Amino acid sequence: MRHLAGGLVFTGFMAGVLFVGSAWGQGPVGPTADEIVVRMMAKNAERQAALAHYGAERTYRLEYRGTGGAHSAEMLVDVDYTAEQKHMTIVSETGSKMICERVLRKLVESEQEASQRTNRMQMMLSPENYRIELVGQESMDGVRTWVLEVSPKVESKFTYRGRVWVSVDDYAMVRVAGEPAKNPSWWINHASFDWHYARHGEFWLPERNVAVSHVRIGGEATLTIDYGEYEVAAVRRAKPEANTAASVLRAARVGLVAGEASGEHLRR
């Protein structure tokens, strides 16, 4: 099972929290795919700066079927977030002791690094770094969303390809489904993930994440994280963070202009 523990490190992507929303309205003509992402980027920074505290009990569950038979484990973890600091306490463990010790405990212990990695992946979702196409609209649990097809311009361990669902009403990221642009481990010949978010007051927080790994020597591992009920107790009212939002918009627009200029140069 050593290959299982090593190969599942990539699932730490999903432990991070993304807080997004928007106050922009729709004009007579709908926004382009790049405009949707630029607005989402600004509101992501704005909402994350506004969140003061939350608490929740997560359930981590890993199921493996393949070489050596079937194995599973589950772990309950209390999470307390205050001022961008996250404290995690393991409440209980059941199932395979080896999976708990070699996979789930390490996933919890590396939560801060995992969160930073996920945030970096999310931050890199910009017109400068991704090819983005608006492919339609869908309703998800009563929320109208734009559906974006995304693929990285440069493949790395922080980029992915897949689809992103963005709320039409408040430019919040509702779902992300895809696969890493590069395999996270030699032991994995294919990996995929599916992140779901839900609205809690003014914030969108993770609701359920699923990562599936197909192990090269045979077998499949599925990691599920259920985020439980949130207690968002001490929240400063989200206000427009002029400097933060403006800096994100400026950076995105510079990228757009640079991309357009590069395209024009190539056409010549």
C-alpha atoms as a PDB file:
ATOM      1  CA  MET A   1       0.000   0.000   0.000  1.00  0.00           C
ATOM      2  CA  ARG A   2       3.044   2.256   0.000  1.00  0.00           C
ATOM      3  CA  HIS A   3       2.243   3.321  -3.548  1.00  0.00           C
ATOM      4  CA  LEU A   4      -1.277   4.205  -2.416  1.00  0.00           C
ATOM      5  CA  ALA A   5      -0.060   6.575   0.286  1.00  0.00           C
ATOM      6  CA  GLY A   6       2.407   8.264  -2.054  1.00  0.00           C
ATOM      7  CA  GLY A   7       0.043   8.472  -4.977  1.00  0.00           C
ATOM      8  CA  LEU A   8      -2.750  10.079  -2.974  1.00  0.00           C
ATOM      9  CA  VAL A   9      -0.731  13.092  -1.887  1.00  0.00           C
ATOM     10  CA  PHE A  10      -2.290  15.045  -4.744  1.00  0.00           C
ATOM     11  CA  THR A  11      -5.690  14.860  -3.078  1.00  0.00           C
ATOM     12  CA  GLY A  12      -4.431  17.468  -0.641  1.00  0.00           C
ATOM     13  CA  PHE A  13      -5.379  19.908  -3.376  1.00  0.00           C
ATOM     14  CA  MET A  14      -8.915  19.692  -2.158  1.00  0.00           C
ATOM     15  CA  ALA A  15      -8.376  20.616   1.473  1.00  0.00           C
ATOM     16  CA  GLY A  16      -8.056  24.303   0.643  1.00  0.00           C
ATOM     17  CA  VAL A  17     -10.953  26.729   0.924  1.00  0.00           C
ATOM     18  CA  LEU A  18     -12.023  29.117  -1.800  1.00  0.00           C
ATOM     19  CA  PHE A  19     -14.319  32.006  -0.938  1.00  0.00           C
ATOM     20  CA  VAL A  20     -15.863  33.700  -3.947  1.00  0.00           C
ATOM     21  CA  GLY A  21     -18.784  35.966  -4.793  1.00  0.00           C
ATOM     22  CA  SER A  22     -19.560  39.122  -6.679  1.00  0.00           C
ATOM     23  CA  ALA A  23     -21.574  42.314  -6.693  1.00  0.00           C
ATOM     24  CA  TRP A  24     -21.457  42.874 -10.456  1.00  0.00           C
ATOM     25  CA  GLY A  25     -24.670  42.797 -12.408  1.00  0.00           C
ATOM     26  CA  GLN A  26     -25.335  41.617 -15.911  1.00  0.00           C
ATOM     27  CA  GLY A  27     -25.594  44.071 -18.749  1.00  0.00           C
ATOM     28  CA  PRO A  28     -27.694  43.670 -21.871  1.00  0.00           C
ATOM     29  CA  VAL A  29     -24.892  41.621 -23.429  1.00  0.00           C
ATOM     30  CA  GLY A  30     -23.527  38.748 -21.357  1.00  0.00           C
ATOM     31  CA  PRO A  31     -19.883  38.786 -20.263  1.00  0.00           C
ATOM     32  CA  THR A  32     -17.233  36.857 -22.123  1.00  0.00           C
ATOM     33  CA  ALA A  33     -15.486  33.868 -20.575  1.00  0.00           C
ATOM     34  CA  ASP A  34     -12.427  35.970 -19.730  1.00  0.00           C
ATOM     35  CA  GLU A  35     -14.580  38.681 -18.132  1.00  0.00           C
ATOM     36  CA  ILE A  36     -16.354  36.105 -15.973  1.00  0.00           C
ATOM     37  CA  VAL A  37     -13.049  34.802 -14.635  1.00  0.00           C
ATOM     38  CA  VAL A  38     -11.593  38.277 -14.061  1.00  0.00           C
ATOM     39  CA  ARG A  39     -14.614  39.278 -11.987  1.00  0.00           C
ATOM     40  CA  MET A  40     -14.511  36.010 -10.091  1.00  0.00           C
ATOM     41  CA  MET A  41     -10.827  36.553  -9.267  1.00  0.00           C
ATOM     42  CA  ALA A  42     -11.517  39.976  -7.768  1.00  0.00           C
ATOM     43  CA  LYS A  43     -14.409  38.722  -5.670  1.00  0.00           C
ATOM     44  CA  ASN A  44     -12.423  35.718  -4.519  1.00  0.00           C
ATOM     45  CA  ALA A  45      -9.830  38.035  -2.979  1.00  0.00           C
ATOM     46  CA  GLU A  46     -12.535  40.300  -1.575  1.00  0.00           C
ATOM     47  CA  ARG A  47     -14.532  37.569   0.150  1.00  0.00           C
ATOM     48  CA  GLN A  48     -11.487  35.754   1.509  1.00  0.00           C
ATOM     49  CA  ALA A  49     -10.312  38.976   3.130  1.00  0.00           C
ATOM     50  CA  ALA A  50     -13.751  39.447   4.720  1.00  0.00           C
ATOM     51  CA  LEU A  51     -14.080  36.007   6.352  1.00  0.00           C
ATOM     52  CA  ALA A  52     -13.134  36.103  10.033  1.00  0.00           C
ATOM     53  CA  HIS A  53     -14.064  32.672  11.404  1.00  0.00           C
ATOM     54  CA  TYR A  54     -15.780  29.368  10.765  1.00  0.00           C
ATOM     55  CA  GLY A  55     -15.978  25.948  12.384  1.00  0.00           C
ATOM     56  CA  ALA A  56     -16.989  22.552  10.985  1.00  0.00           C
ATOM     57  CA  GLU A  57     -16.528  18.795  11.372  1.00  0.00           C
ATOM     58  CA  ARG A  58     -15.169  17.109   8.270  1.00  0.00           C
ATOM     59  CA  THR A  59     -15.350  13.465   7.316  1.00  0.00           C
ATOM     60  CA  TYR A  60     -12.410  12.039   5.365  1.00  0.00           C
ATOM     61  CA  ARG A  61     -13.132   8.667   3.745  1.00  0.00           C
ATOM     62  CA  LEU A  62     -10.765   6.578   1.623  1.00  0.00           C
ATOM     63  CA  GLU A  63     -11.742   3.413  -0.237  1.00  0.00           C
ATOM     64  CA  TYR A  64      -9.256   1.291  -2.157  1.00  0.00           C
ATOM     65  CA  ARG A  65     -10.003  -1.731  -4.332  1.00  0.00           C
ATOM     66  CA  GLY A  66      -7.288  -3.566  -6.181  1.00  0.00           C
ATOM     67  CA  THR A  67      -4.038  -5.303  -5.370  1.00  0.00           C
ATOM     68  CA  GLY A  68      -4.343  -6.871  -1.948  1.00  0.00           C
ATOM     69  CA  GLY A  69      -8.144  -6.715  -1.880  1.00  0.00           C
ATOM     70  CA  ALA A  70     -10.439  -3.980  -0.589  1.00  0.00           C
ATOM     71  CA  HIS A  71      -9.450  -1.555   2.165  1.00  0.00           C
ATOM     72  CA  SER A  72     -11.155   1.504   3.641  1.00  0.00           C
ATOM     73  CA  ALA A  73     -10.818   4.006   6.452  1.00  0.00           C
ATOM     74  CA  GLU A  74     -12.673   7.020   7.803  1.00  0.00           C
ATOM     75  CA  MET A  75     -11.605   9.948   9.952  1.00  0.00           C
ATOM     76  CA  LEU A  76     -13.603  12.724  11.634  1.00  0.00           C
ATOM     77  CA  VAL A  77     -11.790  16.029  12.056  1.00  0.00           C
ATOM     78  CA  ASP A  78     -12.811  19.234  13.842  1.00  0.00           C
ATOM     79  CA  VAL A  79     -11.761  22.351  11.921  1.00  0.00           C
ATOM     80  CA  ASP A  80     -11.546  25.851  13.353  1.00  0.00           C
ATOM     81  CA  TYR A  81     -10.595  28.733  11.062  1.00  0.00           C
ATOM     82  CA  THR A  82      -9.720  32.163  12.452  1.00  0.00           C
ATOM     83  CA  ALA A  83      -7.863  35.015  10.754  1.00  0.00           C
ATOM     84  CA  GLU A  84      -6.510  32.806   7.974  1.00  0.00           C
ATOM     85  CA  GLN A  85      -5.186  30.261  10.507  1.00  0.00           C
ATOM     86  CA  LYS A  86      -6.652  26.769  10.476  1.00  0.00           C
ATOM     87  CA  HIS A  87      -6.574  24.422  13.483  1.00  0.00           C
ATOM     88  CA  MET A  88      -7.510  20.771  12.956  1.00  0.00           C
ATOM     89  CA  THR A  89      -8.181  18.142  15.626  1.00  0.00           C
ATOM     90  CA  ILE A  90      -8.713  14.454  14.858  1.00  0.00           C
ATOM     91  CA  VAL A  91     -11.856  13.274  16.667  1.00  0.00           C
ATOM     92  CA  SER A  92     -12.017   9.619  15.636  1.00  0.00           C
ATOM     93  CA  GLU A  93     -10.581   7.004  13.263  1.00  0.00           C
ATOM     94  CA  THR A  94     -12.145   3.779  11.965  1.00  0.00           C
ATOM     95  CA  GLY A  95     -11.170   1.126   9.433  1.00  0.00           C
ATOM     96  CA  SER A  96      -7.702   0.353   8.105  1.00  0.00           C
ATOM     97  CA  LYS A  97      -5.049   1.511  10.548  1.00  0.00           C
ATOM     98  CA  MET A  98      -2.462   1.710   7.772  1.00  0.00           C
ATOM     99  CA  ILE A  99      -4.643   4.002   5.623  1.00  0.00           C
ATOM    100  CA  CYS A 100      -5.394   6.208   8.624  1.00  0.00           C
ATOM    101  CA  GLU A 101      -1.714   6.556   9.525  1.00  0.00           C
ATOM    102  CA  ARG A 102      -0.122   6.715   6.069  1.00  0.00           C
ATOM    103  CA  VAL A 103      -2.753   8.630   4.114  1.00  0.00           C
ATOM    104  CA  LEU A 104      -5.459  10.378   6.123  1.00  0.00           C
ATOM    105  CA  ARG A 105      -3.256  11.563   9.008  1.00  0.00           C
ATOM    106  CA  LYS A 106      -0.664  12.874   6.575  1.00  0.00           C
ATOM    107  CA  LEU A 107      -3.398  14.627   4.628  1.00  0.00           C
ATOM    108  CA  VAL A 108      -4.596  16.374   7.793  1.00  0.00           C
ATOM    109  CA  GLU A 109      -1.056  17.172   8.944  1.00  0.00           C
ATOM    110  CA  SER A 110      -0.242  18.764   5.592  1.00  0.00           C
ATOM    111  CA  GLU A 111      -3.489  20.760   5.516  1.00  0.00           C
ATOM    112  CA  GLN A 112      -1.786  24.153   5.440  1.00  0.00           C
ATOM    113  CA  GLU A 113       0.445  23.177   2.544  1.00  0.00           C
ATOM    114  CA  ALA A 114      -2.490  21.534   0.799  1.00  0.00           C
ATOM    115  CA  SER A 115      -4.602  24.667   1.232  1.00  0.00           C
ATOM    116  CA  GLN A 116      -1.835  26.822  -0.184  1.00  0.00           C
ATOM    117  CA  ARG A 117      -1.522  24.470  -3.151  1.00  0.00           C
ATOM    118  CA  THR A 118      -5.243  24.535  -3.820  1.00  0.00           C
ATOM    119  CA  ASN A 119      -5.346  28.317  -3.490  1.00  0.00           C
ATOM    120  CA  ARG A 120      -2.470  28.617  -5.914  1.00  0.00           C
ATOM    121  CA  MET A 121      -4.293  26.389  -8.399  1.00  0.00           C
ATOM    122  CA  GLN A 122      -7.376  28.551  -8.038  1.00  0.00           C
ATOM    123  CA  MET A 123      -5.413  31.804  -8.290  1.00  0.00           C
ATOM    124  CA  MET A 124      -3.803  30.593 -11.485  1.00  0.00           C
ATOM    125  CA  LEU A 125      -7.230  30.298 -13.108  1.00  0.00           C
ATOM    126  CA  SER A 126      -6.901  33.495 -15.098  1.00  0.00           C
ATOM    127  CA  PRO A 127      -7.053  34.492 -18.779  1.00  0.00           C
ATOM    128  CA  GLU A 128      -3.276  34.885 -18.651  1.00  0.00           C
ATOM    129  CA  ASN A 129      -2.700  31.265 -17.611  1.00  0.00           C
ATOM    130  CA  TYR A 130      -5.642  29.405 -19.146  1.00  0.00           C
ATOM    131  CA  ARG A 131      -7.510  29.057 -22.375  1.00  0.00           C
ATOM    132  CA  ILE A 132     -11.106  29.642 -21.300  1.00  0.00           C
ATOM    133  CA  GLU A 133     -14.238  28.988 -23.319  1.00  0.00           C
ATOM    134  CA  LEU A 134     -17.833  29.701 -22.331  1.00  0.00           C
ATOM    135  CA  VAL A 135     -19.660  26.533 -23.411  1.00  0.00           C
ATOM    136  CA  GLY A 136     -23.129  27.133 -21.983  1.00  0.00           C
ATOM    137  CA  GLN A 137     -25.315  27.585 -18.915  1.00  0.00           C
ATOM    138  CA  GLU A 138     -26.661  25.049 -16.433  1.00  0.00           C
ATOM    139  CA  SER A 139     -28.743  25.027 -13.264  1.00  0.00           C
ATOM    140  CA  MET A 140     -27.076  23.367 -10.298  1.00  0.00           C
ATOM    141  CA  ASP A 141     -29.254  22.879  -7.203  1.00  0.00           C
ATOM    142  CA  GLY A 142     -31.317  25.898  -8.229  1.00  0.00           C
ATOM    143  CA  VAL A 143     -28.282  28.095  -8.966  1.00  0.00           C
ATOM    144  CA  ARG A 144     -27.886  29.434 -12.504  1.00  0.00           C
ATOM    145  CA  THR A 145     -24.322  28.975 -13.655  1.00  0.00           C
ATOM    146  CA  TRP A 146     -22.054  29.675 -16.572  1.00  0.00           C
ATOM    147  CA  VAL A 147     -20.085  26.615 -17.688  1.00  0.00           C
ATOM    148  CA  LEU A 148     -16.470  27.249 -18.623  1.00  0.00           C
ATOM    149  CA  GLU A 149     -14.123  24.829 -20.379  1.00  0.00           C
ATOM    150  CA  VAL A 150     -10.572  25.477 -19.184  1.00  0.00           C
ATOM    151  CA  SER A 151      -7.151  24.177 -20.212  1.00  0.00           C
ATOM    152  CA  PRO A 152      -3.736  25.489 -19.124  1.00  0.00           C
ATOM    153  CA  LYS A 153      -1.489  27.349 -21.515  1.00  0.00           C
ATOM    154  CA  VAL A 154       1.480  25.806 -19.685  1.00  0.00           C
ATOM    155  CA  GLU A 155       1.128  22.462 -17.918  1.00  0.00           C
ATOM    156  CA  SER A 156       2.421  22.196 -14.339  1.00  0.00           C
ATOM    157  CA  LYS A 157       1.551  20.544 -11.029  1.00  0.00           C
ATOM    158  CA  PHE A 158      -0.583  23.594 -10.191  1.00  0.00           C
ATOM    159  CA  THR A 159      -2.693  23.549 -13.348  1.00  0.00           C
ATOM    160  CA  TYR A 160      -5.587  21.390 -14.481  1.00  0.00           C
ATOM    161  CA  ARG A 161      -7.978  20.873 -17.359  1.00  0.00           C
ATOM    162  CA  GLY A 162     -11.706  20.473 -17.045  1.00  0.00           C
ATOM    163  CA  ARG A 163     -14.866  22.509 -16.405  1.00  0.00           C
ATOM    164  CA  VAL A 164     -15.709  25.294 -13.975  1.00  0.00           C
ATOM    165  CA  TRP A 165     -19.263  26.298 -13.041  1.00  0.00           C
ATOM    166  CA  VAL A 166     -19.651  29.957 -12.002  1.00  0.00           C
ATOM    167  CA  SER A 167     -22.786  31.466 -10.439  1.00  0.00           C
ATOM    168  CA  VAL A 168     -24.539  33.926 -12.745  1.00  0.00           C
ATOM    169  CA  ASP A 169     -25.911  35.914  -9.801  1.00  0.00           C
ATOM    170  CA  ASP A 170     -22.745  36.523  -7.781  1.00  0.00           C
ATOM    171  CA  TYR A 171     -19.779  35.193  -9.801  1.00  0.00           C
ATOM    172  CA  ALA A 172     -19.095  32.456  -7.241  1.00  0.00           C
ATOM    173  CA  MET A 173     -17.337  29.238  -8.121  1.00  0.00           C
ATOM    174  CA  VAL A 174     -19.944  26.501  -7.637  1.00  0.00           C
ATOM    175  CA  ARG A 175     -18.141  23.446  -8.963  1.00  0.00           C
ATOM    176  CA  VAL A 176     -14.824  22.415 -10.519  1.00  0.00           C
ATOM    177  CA  ALA A 177     -14.335  19.038 -12.200  1.00  0.00           C
ATOM    178  CA  GLY A 178     -11.302  17.867 -14.093  1.00  0.00           C
ATOM    179  CA  GLU A 179      -7.877  16.309 -13.873  1.00  0.00           C
ATOM    180  CA  PRO A 180      -4.357  17.553 -13.083  1.00  0.00           C
ATOM    181  CA  ALA A 181      -2.465  18.729 -16.151  1.00  0.00           C
ATOM    182  CA  LYS A 182       0.408  16.494 -15.008  1.00  0.00           C
ATOM    183  CA  ASN A 183       0.160  13.217 -13.145  1.00  0.00           C
ATOM    184  CA  PRO A 184       0.860  13.866  -9.433  1.00  0.00           C
ATOM    185  CA  SER A 185       2.873  10.670  -9.004  1.00  0.00           C
ATOM    186  CA  TRP A 186       4.531   7.902 -11.009  1.00  0.00           C
ATOM    187  CA  TRP A 187       2.274   5.463  -9.172  1.00  0.00           C
ATOM    188  CA  ILE A 188      -0.824   7.107 -10.660  1.00  0.00           C
ATOM    189  CA  ASN A 189      -1.681   6.629 -14.340  1.00  0.00           C
ATOM    190  CA  HIS A 190      -4.847   8.723 -14.143  1.00  0.00           C
ATOM    191  CA  ALA A 191      -6.373  11.048 -11.558  1.00  0.00           C
ATOM    192  CA  SER A 192      -9.509  13.157 -11.456  1.00  0.00           C
ATOM    193  CA  PHE A 193     -11.276  15.429  -8.997  1.00  0.00           C
ATOM    194  CA  ASP A 194     -14.697  16.975  -8.464  1.00  0.00           C
ATOM    195  CA  TRP A 195     -15.070  19.925  -6.047  1.00  0.00           C
ATOM    196  CA  HIS A 196     -18.467  21.244  -4.956  1.00  0.00           C
ATOM    197  CA  TYR A 197     -19.140  24.506  -3.091  1.00  0.00           C
ATOM    198  CA  ALA A 198     -22.248  25.755  -1.266  1.00  0.00           C
ATOM    199  CA  ARG A 199     -23.405  29.208  -0.186  1.00  0.00           C
ATOM    200  CA  HIS A 200     -23.241  30.074   3.520  1.00  0.00           C
ATOM    201  CA  GLY A 201     -24.474  33.619   3.980  1.00  0.00           C
ATOM    202  CA  GLU A 202     -22.182  35.861   1.974  1.00  0.00           C
ATOM    203  CA  PHE A 203     -19.595  33.143   1.443  1.00  0.00           C
ATOM    204  CA  TRP A 204     -19.199  30.031  -0.665  1.00  0.00           C
ATOM    205  CA  LEU A 205     -17.415  27.228   1.200  1.00  0.00           C
ATOM    206  CA  PRO A 206     -16.426  23.678   0.192  1.00  0.00           C
ATOM    207  CA  GLU A 207     -19.262  21.180   0.493  1.00  0.00           C
ATOM    208  CA  ARG A 208     -17.920  17.905  -0.900  1.00  0.00           C
ATOM    209  CA  ASN A 209     -14.753  16.882  -2.706  1.00  0.00           C
ATOM    210  CA  VAL A 210     -14.057  13.590  -4.467  1.00  0.00           C
ATOM    211  CA  ALA A 211     -10.718  12.484  -5.910  1.00  0.00           C
ATOM    212  CA  VAL A 212     -10.243   9.236  -7.819  1.00  0.00           C
ATOM    213  CA  SER A 213      -6.823   7.716  -8.473  1.00  0.00           C
ATOM    214  CA  HIS A 214      -6.133   4.813 -10.805  1.00  0.00           C
ATOM    215  CA  VAL A 215      -3.009   3.110  -9.529  1.00  0.00           C
ATOM    216  CA  ARG A 216      -0.487   2.070 -12.169  1.00  0.00           C
ATOM    217  CA  ILE A 217       0.018  -1.464 -10.822  1.00  0.00           C
ATOM    218  CA  GLY A 218      -3.732  -2.012 -10.579  1.00  0.00           C
ATOM    219  CA  GLY A 219      -6.586  -0.807  -8.442  1.00  0.00           C
ATOM    220  CA  GLU A 220      -8.549   2.343  -7.755  1.00  0.00           C
ATOM    221  CA  ALA A 221      -8.589   4.638  -4.731  1.00  0.00           C
ATOM    222  CA  THR A 222     -11.382   7.113  -3.988  1.00  0.00           C
ATOM    223  CA  LEU A 223     -10.959   9.868  -1.420  1.00  0.00           C
ATOM    224  CA  THR A 224     -14.102  11.726  -0.330  1.00  0.00           C
ATOM    225  CA  ILE A 225     -14.198  14.768   1.943  1.00  0.00           C
ATOM    226  CA  ASP A 226     -17.569  15.815   3.329  1.00  0.00           C
ATOM    227  CA  TYR A 227     -17.337  19.227   4.955  1.00  0.00           C
ATOM    228  CA  GLY A 228     -20.395  18.921   7.187  1.00  0.00           C
ATOM    229  CA  GLU A 229     -22.368  21.798   8.698  1.00  0.00           C
ATOM    230  CA  TYR A 230     -20.542  25.108   9.020  1.00  0.00           C
ATOM    231  CA  GLU A 231     -20.790  27.521  11.926  1.00  0.00           C
ATOM    232  CA  VAL A 232     -19.813  30.893  10.487  1.00  0.00           C
ATOM    233  CA  ALA A 233     -19.818  32.755  13.768  1.00  0.00           C
ATOM    234  CA  ALA A 234     -17.686  35.877  13.523  1.00  0.00           C
ATOM    235  CA  VAL A 235     -17.918  37.350  10.073  1.00  0.00           C
ATOM    236  CA  ARG A 236     -17.139  40.922   9.169  1.00  0.00           C
ATOM    237  CA  ARG A 237     -19.638  42.133   6.601  1.00  0.00           C
ATOM    238  CA  ALA A 238     -18.101  41.703   3.180  1.00  0.00           C
ATOM    239  CA  LYS A 239     -17.161  45.110   1.817  1.00  0.00           C
ATOM    240  CA  PRO A 240     -15.511  46.006  -1.458  1.00  0.00           C
ATOM    241  CA  GLU A 241     -11.780  45.806  -0.825  1.00  0.00           C
ATOM    242  CA  ALA A 242     -10.802  48.504  -3.276  1.00  0.00           C
ATOM    243  CA  ASN A 243      -7.070  47.877  -3.182  1.00  0.00           C
ATOM    244  CA  THR A 244      -7.306  44.085  -3.310  1.00  0.00           C
ATOM    245  CA  ALA A 245      -9.994  43.903  -5.971  1.00  0.00           C
ATOM    246  CA  ALA A 246      -8.403  46.655  -8.033  1.00  0.00           C
ATOM    247  CA  SER A 247      -5.004  44.966  -7.964  1.00  0.00           C
ATOM    248  CA  VAL A 248      -6.509  41.661  -9.111  1.00  0.00           C
ATOM    249  CA  LEU A 249      -8.409  43.388 -11.905  1.00  0.00           C
ATOM    250  CA  ARG A 250      -5.339  45.329 -13.003  1.00  0.00           C
ATOM    251  CA  ALA A 251      -3.220  42.177 -13.097  1.00  0.00           C
ATOM    252  CA  ALA A 252      -5.855  40.297 -15.059  1.00  0.00           C
ATOM    253  CA  ARG A 253      -6.352  43.144 -17.526  1.00  0.00           C
ATOM    254  CA  VAL A 254      -2.603  43.447 -18.062  1.00  0.00           C
ATOM    255  CA  GLY A 255      -2.575  39.736 -18.870  1.00  0.00           C
ATOM    256  CA  LEU A 256      -5.462  40.150 -21.290  1.00  0.00           C
ATOM    257  CA  VAL A 257      -3.823  43.070 -23.057  1.00  0.00           C
ATOM    258  CA  ALA A 258      -0.516  41.230 -23.227  1.00  0.00           C
ATOM    259  CA  GLY A 259      -2.250  38.182 -24.662  1.00  0.00           C
ATOM    260  CA  GLU A 260      -4.077  40.235 -27.269  1.00  0.00           C
ATOM    261  CA  ALA A 261      -0.872  42.034 -28.229  1.00  0.00           C
ATOM    262  CA  SER A 262       0.951  38.728 -28.536  1.00  0.00           C
ATOM    263  CA  GLY A 263      -1.825  37.356 -30.723  1.00  0.00           C
ATOM    264  CA  GLU A 264      -1.752  40.411 -32.949  1.00  0.00           C
ATOM    265  CA  HIS A 265       2.016  40.117 -33.276  1.00  0.00           C
ATOM    266  CA  LEU A 266       1.729  36.468 -34.289  1.00  0.00           C
ATOM    267  CA  ARG A 267      -0.954  37.257 -36.874  1.00  0.00           C
ATOM    268  CA  ARG A 268       1.393  39.775 -38.444  1.00  0.00           C
END
